Amino acid sequence: MRRYWPRRVAGMPPGQRLLQEMPRFTDRPHLPPPRMPVEPRLEVTHGGAPVAVVSAADLAALGPVTTELTSTASRAGR
């Protein structure tokens, strides 16, 4: 558990800690994380019925997404 509460790191604000891995939120932190499937996917269901399945390849095919602010305040400053 000490890996989740390391000492302060130079260059980071007080209260911030540099972690080597994402902490797991579980009731059994002493067990290793589950194995990653060969082809990871996100399955969306509603009431037990499948709605959508999104694979890692589907997400990679989307490519990068860029957004532009379109609020009234941002247009007024142009």
Protein backbone atom coordinates (compact mmCIF):
# COMPACT_ATOMS: atom_id res chain seq x y z
CA MET A 1 0.00 0.00 0.00
CA ARG A 2 3.00 2.35 0.42
CA ARG A 3 3.18 2.73 -3.37
CA TYR A 4 -0.05 4.75 -3.24
CA TRP A 5 1.28 7.16 -0.61
CA PRO A 6 4.82 7.99 -1.69
CA ARG A 7 6.76 10.91 -0.26
CA ARG A 8 6.44 14.36 -1.78
CA VAL A 9 8.19 14.78 -5.11
CA ALA A 10 10.17 17.90 -5.97
CA GLY A 11 8.37 20.10 -8.47
CA MET A 12 4.86 19.05 -7.43
CA PRO A 13 2.56 21.22 -5.31
CA PRO A 14 1.92 20.29 -1.67
CA GLY A 15 -0.57 17.46 -1.39
CA GLN A 16 0.27 16.11 -4.85
CA ARG A 17 2.04 12.78 -5.22
CA LEU A 18 3.67 11.15 -8.24
CA LEU A 19 2.23 7.65 -8.72
CA GLN A 20 3.78 4.94 -10.84
CA GLU A 21 0.41 3.30 -11.52
CA MET A 22 -3.29 4.08 -11.29
CA PRO A 23 -4.65 3.06 -7.88
CA ARG A 24 -7.26 0.33 -7.89
CA PHE A 25 -10.51 0.93 -6.03
CA THR A 26 -11.36 -2.52 -4.71
CA ASP A 27 -12.19 -4.34 -1.53
CA ARG A 28 -9.21 -6.69 -2.13
CA PRO A 29 -6.17 -4.44 -2.80
CA HIS A 30 -3.73 -7.24 -1.91
CA LEU A 31 -4.76 -9.30 -4.95
CA PRO A 32 -3.29 -8.57 -8.40
CA PRO A 33 -5.54 -6.84 -10.95
CA PRO A 34 -7.52 -9.01 -13.35
CA ARG A 35 -5.81 -9.99 -16.59
CA MET A 36 -6.35 -7.73 -19.58
CA PRO A 37 -8.25 -9.49 -22.38
CA VAL A 38 -6.43 -10.01 -25.68
CA GLU A 39 -8.98 -7.77 -27.43
CA PRO A 40 -10.37 -5.31 -24.86
CA ARG A 41 -13.86 -3.99 -25.46
CA LEU A 42 -16.52 -1.93 -23.74
CA GLU A 43 -19.93 -3.56 -23.61
CA VAL A 44 -22.88 -1.23 -22.99
CA THR A 45 -26.11 -2.82 -21.79
CA HIS A 46 -29.50 -1.55 -20.70
CA GLY A 47 -31.61 -3.80 -18.52
CA GLY A 48 -29.32 -6.70 -19.38
CA ALA A 49 -29.85 -6.29 -23.12
CA PRO A 50 -26.77 -5.36 -25.19
CA VAL A 51 -26.88 -1.85 -26.62
CA ALA A 52 -23.38 -1.45 -28.07
CA VAL A 53 -19.93 -3.04 -28.12
CA VAL A 54 -16.91 -0.78 -28.70
CA SER A 55 -13.52 -2.39 -29.23
CA ALA A 56 -10.09 -0.83 -28.79
CA ALA A 57 -9.72 -0.97 -32.60
CA ASP A 58 -12.96 1.04 -32.96
CA LEU A 59 -11.58 3.73 -30.65
CA ALA A 60 -8.23 3.80 -32.45
CA ALA A 61 -10.02 4.24 -35.79
CA LEU A 62 -11.66 7.43 -34.51
CA GLY A 63 -8.32 9.23 -34.38
CA PRO A 64 -7.68 12.40 -32.39
CA VAL A 65 -10.58 14.70 -31.59
CA THR A 66 -10.22 18.47 -31.43
CA THR A 67 -12.77 20.88 -30.08
CA GLU A 68 -13.25 24.61 -30.44
CA LEU A 69 -14.93 26.87 -27.94
CA THR A 70 -18.15 28.21 -29.43
CA SER A 71 -19.67 30.01 -26.46
CA THR A 72 -20.90 33.59 -26.78
CA ALA A 73 -18.09 34.83 -24.53
CA SER A 74 -15.40 33.28 -26.69
CA ARG A 75 -16.91 34.67 -29.91
CA ALA A 76 -17.13 38.16 -28.42
CA GLY A 77 -13.38 38.16 -27.71
CA ARG A 78 -12.41 37.43 -31.33
